[in-house]
């Protein structure tokens, strides 16, 4: 059985958007910055992300995270970047 060990507990900090349906949160752990952006509404949402950490990559696709996102209803995008940024 594989075991997941969290070496440094972190709390996600909410960062704001002007669009109330989209929520973004970030946390630092082990020298990396992790985050997610989620559409909490039943309608599609488009957002522009300002202050995105340099080198942020989508954790699912491995591609650089775009600064403009179109999110389907209840869609979530997770990302990681090196360094600190909160």
N, C-alpha and C. Protein backbone atom coordinates (compact mmCIF):
# COMPACT_ATOMS: atom_id res chain seq x y z
N UNK A 1 0.85 -1.17 0.00
CA UNK A 1 0.00 0.00 0.00
C UNK A 1 0.90 1.24 0.00
N UNK A 2 0.57 2.21 -0.84
CA UNK A 2 1.28 3.49 -0.87
C UNK A 2 0.82 4.36 0.28
N UNK A 3 1.74 5.16 0.81
CA UNK A 3 1.42 6.05 1.91
C UNK A 3 1.73 7.48 1.52
N UNK A 4 0.84 8.37 1.83
CA UNK A 4 1.04 9.80 1.60
C UNK A 4 1.36 10.45 2.93
N UNK A 5 2.48 11.15 2.98
CA UNK A 5 2.89 11.82 4.21
C UNK A 5 2.98 13.32 3.96
N UNK A 6 2.29 14.08 4.76
CA UNK A 6 2.35 15.54 4.68
C UNK A 6 3.41 16.02 5.65
N UNK A 7 4.51 16.58 5.11
CA UNK A 7 5.62 16.96 5.97
C UNK A 7 5.45 18.33 6.60
N UNK A 8 4.71 19.21 5.96
CA UNK A 8 4.53 20.54 6.54
C UNK A 8 3.09 20.99 6.32
N UNK A 9 2.27 20.88 7.36
CA UNK A 9 0.87 21.25 7.21
C UNK A 9 0.72 22.72 6.81
N UNK A 10 -0.16 22.97 5.88
CA UNK A 10 -0.40 24.33 5.40
C UNK A 10 -1.89 24.58 5.33
N UNK A 11 -2.23 25.83 5.43
CA UNK A 11 -3.62 26.23 5.25
C UNK A 11 -3.72 26.99 3.95
N UNK A 12 -4.78 26.72 3.22
CA UNK A 12 -5.02 27.46 1.99
C UNK A 12 -5.56 28.84 2.33
N UNK A 13 -5.04 29.84 1.66
CA UNK A 13 -5.46 31.23 1.83
C UNK A 13 -6.32 31.60 0.63
N UNK A 14 -7.49 32.15 0.90
CA UNK A 14 -8.37 32.58 -0.19
C UNK A 14 -7.86 33.88 -0.78
N UNK A 15 -7.74 33.90 -2.10
CA UNK A 15 -7.39 35.12 -2.82
C UNK A 15 -8.58 35.48 -3.68
N UNK A 16 -8.85 36.78 -3.85
CA UNK A 16 -10.12 37.19 -4.41
C UNK A 16 -10.18 37.42 -5.90
N UNK A 17 -11.38 37.31 -6.40
CA UNK A 17 -11.76 37.68 -7.76
C UNK A 17 -12.93 38.63 -7.64
N UNK A 18 -13.13 39.46 -8.65
CA UNK A 18 -14.31 40.32 -8.65
C UNK A 18 -15.57 39.52 -8.97
N UNK A 19 -15.39 38.35 -9.59
CA UNK A 19 -16.51 37.47 -9.90
C UNK A 19 -16.76 36.58 -8.69
N UNK A 20 -17.87 36.75 -8.01
CA UNK A 20 -18.15 36.02 -6.79
C UNK A 20 -18.34 34.53 -6.94
N UNK A 21 -18.57 34.05 -8.17
CA UNK A 21 -18.79 32.62 -8.39
C UNK A 21 -17.48 31.84 -8.44
N UNK A 22 -16.38 32.52 -8.66
CA UNK A 22 -15.08 31.85 -8.79
C UNK A 22 -14.26 32.10 -7.53
N UNK A 23 -13.69 31.02 -6.98
CA UNK A 23 -12.89 31.10 -5.77
C UNK A 23 -11.49 30.60 -6.08
N UNK A 24 -10.49 31.30 -5.55
CA UNK A 24 -9.10 30.86 -5.72
C UNK A 24 -8.45 30.78 -4.35
N UNK A 25 -7.68 29.73 -4.15
CA UNK A 25 -6.97 29.55 -2.88
C UNK A 25 -5.55 29.07 -3.17
N UNK A 26 -4.60 29.47 -2.30
CA UNK A 26 -3.21 29.06 -2.45
C UNK A 26 -2.63 28.69 -1.09
N UNK A 27 -1.62 27.82 -1.12
CA UNK A 27 -0.90 27.43 0.09
C UNK A 27 0.55 27.12 -0.29
N UNK A 28 1.45 27.34 0.67
CA UNK A 28 2.85 27.00 0.48
C UNK A 28 3.16 25.74 1.26
N UNK A 29 3.93 24.85 0.62
CA UNK A 29 4.37 23.62 1.30
C UNK A 29 5.66 23.14 0.66
N UNK A 30 6.64 22.85 1.49
CA UNK A 30 7.91 22.28 1.03
C UNK A 30 8.56 23.10 -0.08
N UNK A 31 8.50 24.43 0.06
CA UNK A 31 9.15 25.31 -0.90
C UNK A 31 8.41 25.49 -2.21
N UNK A 32 7.19 25.00 -2.28
CA UNK A 32 6.38 25.16 -3.50
C UNK A 32 5.07 25.84 -3.15
N UNK A 33 4.50 26.48 -4.13
CA UNK A 33 3.20 27.13 -3.97
C UNK A 33 2.18 26.30 -4.72
N UNK A 34 1.09 25.93 -4.04
CA UNK A 34 0.02 25.15 -4.65
C UNK A 34 -1.26 25.97 -4.60
N UNK A 35 -2.11 25.77 -5.57
CA UNK A 35 -3.36 26.51 -5.58
C UNK A 35 -4.42 25.85 -6.43
N UNK A 36 -5.62 26.38 -6.29
CA UNK A 36 -6.70 25.94 -7.15
C UNK A 36 -7.66 27.09 -7.38
N UNK A 37 -8.32 27.02 -8.51
CA UNK A 37 -9.33 28.00 -8.90
C UNK A 37 -10.56 27.19 -9.27
N UNK A 38 -11.69 27.51 -8.65
CA UNK A 38 -12.90 26.71 -8.87
C UNK A 38 -14.09 27.61 -9.15
N UNK A 39 -14.90 27.18 -10.10
CA UNK A 39 -16.16 27.85 -10.41
C UNK A 39 -17.22 27.19 -9.53
N UNK A 40 -17.82 27.94 -8.63
CA UNK A 40 -18.80 27.39 -7.69
C UNK A 40 -20.24 27.55 -8.18
N UNK A 41 -20.41 27.93 -9.44
CA UNK A 41 -21.74 28.23 -9.97
C UNK A 41 -22.15 27.22 -11.05
N UNK A 42 -23.45 27.16 -11.33
CA UNK A 42 -23.99 26.28 -12.36
C UNK A 42 -23.82 26.86 -13.76
N UNK A 43 -23.31 28.08 -13.87
CA UNK A 43 -23.09 28.71 -15.17
C UNK A 43 -21.59 28.79 -15.45
N UNK A 44 -21.22 28.80 -16.72
CA UNK A 44 -19.82 28.96 -17.11
C UNK A 44 -19.30 30.31 -16.63
N UNK A 45 -18.01 30.37 -16.31
CA UNK A 45 -17.42 31.62 -15.83
C UNK A 45 -16.07 31.85 -16.52
N UNK A 46 -15.79 33.10 -16.84
CA UNK A 46 -14.50 33.48 -17.40
C UNK A 46 -13.82 34.42 -16.43
N UNK A 47 -12.53 34.18 -16.16
CA UNK A 47 -11.78 35.02 -15.23
C UNK A 47 -10.39 35.30 -15.79
N UNK A 48 -9.83 36.42 -15.36
CA UNK A 48 -8.45 36.74 -15.66
C UNK A 48 -7.70 36.73 -14.33
N UNK A 49 -6.63 35.95 -14.28
CA UNK A 49 -5.87 35.77 -13.06
C UNK A 49 -4.69 36.75 -13.06
N UNK A 50 -4.65 37.64 -12.07
CA UNK A 50 -3.55 38.59 -11.92
C UNK A 50 -2.63 38.10 -10.82
N UNK A 51 -1.33 38.29 -10.97
CA UNK A 51 -0.39 37.89 -9.94
C UNK A 51 -0.13 36.40 -9.88
N UNK A 52 -0.35 35.72 -10.99
CA UNK A 52 -0.09 34.29 -11.06
C UNK A 52 1.40 34.03 -10.83
N UNK A 53 1.76 33.09 -9.97
CA UNK A 53 3.18 32.83 -9.72
C UNK A 53 3.91 32.44 -11.01
N UNK A 54 5.14 32.91 -11.16
CA UNK A 54 5.94 32.57 -12.34
C UNK A 54 6.13 31.06 -12.41
N UNK A 55 5.96 30.51 -13.59
CA UNK A 55 6.16 29.07 -13.78
C UNK A 55 5.03 28.20 -13.29
N UNK A 56 3.87 28.79 -13.01
CA UNK A 56 2.73 28.00 -12.53
C UNK A 56 2.29 27.01 -13.61
N UNK A 57 2.17 25.75 -13.22
CA UNK A 57 1.75 24.72 -14.16
C UNK A 57 0.49 24.02 -13.67
N UNK A 58 -0.35 23.65 -14.61
CA UNK A 58 -1.57 22.91 -14.32
C UNK A 58 -1.17 21.52 -13.82
N UNK A 59 -1.67 21.11 -12.67
CA UNK A 59 -1.29 19.82 -12.09
C UNK A 59 -1.86 18.63 -12.84
N UNK A 60 -2.87 18.84 -13.67
CA UNK A 60 -3.44 17.73 -14.43
C UNK A 60 -2.74 17.58 -15.78
N UNK A 61 -2.57 18.68 -16.50
CA UNK A 61 -2.01 18.62 -17.85
C UNK A 61 -0.50 18.80 -17.90
N UNK A 62 0.09 19.44 -16.86
CA UNK A 62 1.51 19.74 -16.86
C UNK A 62 1.88 20.94 -17.71
N UNK A 63 0.88 21.59 -18.31
CA UNK A 63 1.11 22.77 -19.14
C UNK A 63 1.12 24.03 -18.30
N UNK A 64 1.77 25.10 -18.82
CA UNK A 64 1.72 26.37 -18.10
C UNK A 64 0.26 26.82 -17.90
N UNK A 65 -0.02 27.37 -16.75
CA UNK A 65 -1.38 27.83 -16.46
C UNK A 65 -1.61 29.17 -17.14
N UNK A 66 -2.69 29.27 -17.87
CA UNK A 66 -3.03 30.50 -18.58
C UNK A 66 -3.54 31.55 -17.60
N UNK A 67 -3.33 32.82 -17.94
CA UNK A 67 -3.82 33.89 -17.06
C UNK A 67 -5.30 34.18 -17.30
N UNK A 68 -5.84 33.71 -18.41
CA UNK A 68 -7.28 33.83 -18.69
C UNK A 68 -7.86 32.43 -18.74
N UNK A 69 -8.90 32.23 -17.93
CA UNK A 69 -9.51 30.90 -17.84
C UNK A 69 -11.00 30.98 -18.11
N UNK A 70 -11.49 30.00 -18.82
CA UNK A 70 -12.93 29.80 -18.98
C UNK A 70 -13.24 28.50 -18.27
N UNK A 71 -14.04 28.59 -17.21
CA UNK A 71 -14.36 27.43 -16.39
C UNK A 71 -15.80 26.98 -16.61
N UNK A 72 -15.96 25.70 -16.85
CA UNK A 72 -17.30 25.11 -16.97
C UNK A 72 -17.95 25.14 -15.59
N UNK A 73 -19.26 24.91 -15.52
CA UNK A 73 -19.92 24.86 -14.21
C UNK A 73 -19.21 23.87 -13.28
N UNK A 74 -18.85 24.33 -12.10
CA UNK A 74 -18.22 23.53 -11.05
C UNK A 74 -16.84 22.97 -11.43
N UNK A 75 -16.23 23.52 -12.45
CA UNK A 75 -14.90 23.07 -12.86
C UNK A 75 -13.83 23.64 -11.92
N UNK A 76 -12.78 22.85 -11.69
CA UNK A 76 -11.66 23.28 -10.86
C UNK A 76 -10.36 23.07 -11.61
N UNK A 77 -9.46 24.03 -11.48
CA UNK A 77 -8.11 23.93 -12.04
C UNK A 77 -7.14 24.02 -10.87
N UNK A 78 -6.21 23.07 -10.78
CA UNK A 78 -5.21 23.11 -9.72
C UNK A 78 -3.84 23.37 -10.34
N UNK A 79 -2.97 24.04 -9.58
CA UNK A 79 -1.66 24.39 -10.12
C UNK A 79 -0.59 24.37 -9.04
N UNK A 80 0.66 24.37 -9.49
CA UNK A 80 1.81 24.43 -8.59
C UNK A 80 2.87 25.31 -9.24
N UNK A 81 3.70 25.92 -8.39
CA UNK A 81 4.82 26.74 -8.85
C UNK A 81 5.94 26.68 -7.82
N UNK A 82 7.16 26.88 -8.26
CA UNK A 82 8.28 26.92 -7.33
C UNK A 82 8.29 28.24 -6.58
N UNK A 83 8.78 28.22 -5.35
CA UNK A 83 8.93 29.45 -4.59
C UNK A 83 7.74 29.81 -3.76
N UNK A 84 7.81 31.02 -3.21
CA UNK A 84 6.76 31.52 -2.34
C UNK A 84 6.02 32.63 -3.07
N UNK A 85 4.75 32.79 -2.72
CA UNK A 85 4.01 33.82 -3.42
C UNK A 85 2.76 34.32 -2.76
N UNK A 86 2.50 33.91 -1.54
CA UNK A 86 1.25 34.36 -0.91
C UNK A 86 1.52 35.66 -0.20
